[in-house]
Amino acid sequence: MDIELSRWGDPQNKSGDYVVQPSWFPENKVKFQPPTGSLNLTLQWRAGLATFETTQAGREGPLRQTMSSKTFTSAIPTPGSEAVNIEFCEFAHGKVPLQNGAEVVIEKFQYLP
């Protein structure tokens, strides 16, 4: 399962994807447009259920606004062999190559079994 933030080299693409692998099935991928600024990206995984959510960072309680979300109920992997990968990659084959560099700041990562 993935949260992907990339325009994949095309400035017209929405830059967010919630994905349950394999991603080539259309029902396993939802595109969204995250707002600029700091974000909280969340994946809650339970047996048979995966809920993705994007909110603005620093807002809690009644000020917390969900920018996008999706719950998947099919093709959810069975817990037991979890692995976490955080990747930061330049997509070198895009229509518009990276011009001014990029930066990602991860302030907190939390895994709660």
Protein backbone atom coordinates (compact mmCIF):
# COMPACT_ATOMS: atom_id res chain seq x y z
CA MET A 1 0.00 0.00 0.00
CA ASP A 2 1.32 3.41 -0.92
CA ILE A 3 0.82 7.10 -0.51
CA GLU A 4 2.52 8.62 -3.52
CA LEU A 5 3.21 12.32 -4.06
CA SER A 6 4.40 12.97 -7.60
CA ARG A 7 3.18 14.46 -10.85
CA TRP A 8 5.22 11.70 -12.59
CA GLY A 9 6.88 14.28 -14.83
CA ASP A 10 3.63 15.81 -16.12
CA PRO A 11 2.70 19.18 -14.58
CA GLN A 12 -0.97 18.59 -15.47
CA ASN A 13 -1.25 15.46 -13.29
CA LYS A 14 -2.78 15.51 -9.83
CA SER A 15 0.14 14.95 -7.49
CA GLY A 16 -1.32 12.51 -4.96
CA ASP A 17 -2.20 8.82 -5.14
CA TYR A 18 -3.60 6.42 -2.58
CA VAL A 19 -2.70 2.92 -3.76
CA VAL A 20 -3.39 -0.68 -2.83
CA GLN A 21 -1.04 -2.90 -4.84
CA PRO A 22 -1.15 -4.01 -7.54
CA SER A 23 -1.72 -0.48 -8.82
CA TRP A 24 -2.61 -1.43 -12.41
CA PHE A 25 -6.18 -2.27 -11.36
CA PRO A 26 -8.13 1.01 -11.60
CA GLU A 27 -10.09 0.30 -8.41
CA ASN A 28 -6.80 0.05 -6.46
CA LYS A 29 -5.68 3.64 -7.09
CA VAL A 30 -7.27 7.01 -6.33
CA LYS A 31 -5.70 10.29 -7.42
CA PHE A 32 -6.08 13.47 -5.34
CA GLN A 33 -4.64 16.97 -5.33
CA PRO A 34 -2.99 17.77 -1.98
CA PRO A 35 -2.79 21.42 -1.00
CA THR A 36 0.52 23.20 -0.69
CA GLY A 37 2.13 23.43 2.72
CA SER A 38 2.68 20.94 5.52
CA LEU A 39 0.49 17.85 5.48
CA ASN A 40 -0.39 14.89 7.66
CA LEU A 41 -0.61 11.73 5.56
CA THR A 42 -2.25 8.81 7.34
CA LEU A 43 -2.83 5.15 6.53
CA GLN A 44 -4.93 3.13 8.96
CA TRP A 45 -4.70 -0.57 8.16
CA ARG A 46 -6.95 -3.22 9.63
CA ALA A 47 -7.86 -6.68 8.40
CA GLY A 48 -9.82 -6.15 5.18
CA LEU A 49 -9.74 -2.35 5.41
CA ALA A 50 -7.29 0.42 4.52
CA THR A 51 -8.19 4.08 5.08
CA PHE A 52 -5.98 6.83 3.66
CA GLU A 53 -6.36 10.46 4.73
CA THR A 54 -4.64 13.79 4.05
CA THR A 55 -5.06 16.73 6.42
CA GLN A 56 -3.24 20.01 6.95
CA ALA A 57 -0.47 19.65 9.51
CA GLY A 58 -0.76 21.43 12.85
CA ARG A 59 -4.54 21.44 13.03
CA GLU A 60 -6.32 19.23 15.52
CA GLY A 61 -9.81 18.89 16.93
CA PRO A 62 -12.50 21.04 15.27
CA LEU A 63 -9.87 22.92 13.21
CA ARG A 64 -8.68 19.70 11.53
CA GLN A 65 -9.93 19.61 7.95
CA THR A 66 -9.71 16.50 5.81
CA MET A 67 -8.43 17.47 2.39
CA SER A 68 -8.93 14.01 0.87
CA SER A 69 -9.59 10.45 1.99
CA LYS A 70 -10.34 7.00 0.63
CA THR A 71 -11.23 3.68 2.23
CA PHE A 72 -10.40 0.50 0.31
CA THR A 73 -12.10 -2.78 1.23
CA SER A 74 -10.82 -5.18 -1.44
CA ALA A 75 -7.33 -6.51 -2.19
CA ILE A 76 -6.12 -5.48 1.28
CA PRO A 77 -3.00 -7.47 2.23
CA THR A 78 -3.05 -9.73 5.25
CA PRO A 79 -0.93 -8.44 8.16
CA GLY A 80 2.14 -10.44 9.02
CA SER A 81 5.08 -9.33 6.90
CA GLU A 82 4.95 -5.55 7.14
CA ALA A 83 7.74 -3.39 5.80
CA VAL A 84 7.92 0.38 5.57
CA ASN A 85 9.73 2.18 2.77
CA ILE A 86 10.00 5.93 2.45
CA GLU A 87 11.33 6.91 -0.94
CA PHE A 88 12.23 10.30 -2.36
CA CYS A 89 12.93 10.06 -6.07
CA GLU A 90 13.31 12.34 -9.04
CA PHE A 91 11.29 11.18 -12.03
CA ALA A 92 13.94 11.64 -14.71
CA HIS A 93 11.78 10.89 -17.75
CA GLY A 94 9.14 13.58 -17.30
CA LYS A 95 7.89 16.17 -19.77
CA VAL A 96 9.26 18.86 -17.44
CA PRO A 97 12.44 17.90 -15.55
CA LEU A 98 13.08 19.04 -11.98
CA GLN A 99 14.39 22.63 -12.14
CA ASN A 100 15.10 23.90 -8.63
CA GLY A 101 15.52 20.84 -6.46
CA ALA A 102 13.02 19.56 -3.94
CA GLU A 103 12.82 18.86 -0.25
CA VAL A 104 10.76 16.63 2.00
CA VAL A 105 10.79 17.06 5.77
CA ILE A 106 9.44 14.19 7.84
CA GLU A 107 8.72 15.52 11.29
CA LYS A 108 7.19 12.35 12.67
CA PHE A 109 6.63 8.77 11.62
CA GLN A 110 4.57 6.48 13.83
CA TYR A 111 3.81 2.79 13.48
CA LEU A 112 1.25 1.39 15.88
CA PRO A 113 0.83 -2.39 15.61
